[in-house]
Amino acid sequence: MPDQGPAVVDLTALPGVECPCGIARRAFHDRDEFPGTVHLTNIDRSARTHYHTEHTEVYVVLECDDDAAIELDGQLHPVRPKTSVLIPPGTRHRAVGCMQVVIVCLPNFDPADEHFD
């Protein structure tokens, strides 16, 4: 497919889909010229530890509880708004506390690459 050119997406207007973290709104998965997806995800306290074998993710925290953290391979890392977290393939991870994040996922997100121990 040829390059489709620039795009502007209101992430809040996209339909939400349930995920292990809460509710995600996913953009650009249908763009051949962009090798990933961008998610606006509202994470709740029931987020489950999981990992990906293919995906690299970058989280950018927009809003979060005062005591929010990201757990990476069993280690808690406190986060606050404007924190960014790089999560390579194979890293067990979950959010602790409620937060809203933008996630950039490379390559294109595939729910079959969400694994649980």
Foldseek 3Di string as FASTA:
>chain_A
DDQPDDDDDDQVPADWDQDLFGTWRWPDLPGPVAQEIKIWDWGAQRRDWWFFQPKKKKKAFQAFDPQKFKAWQNDTDGDGHRDIDIGDGPITITIHGTTIIMMIMGGYDDNVRIGDD
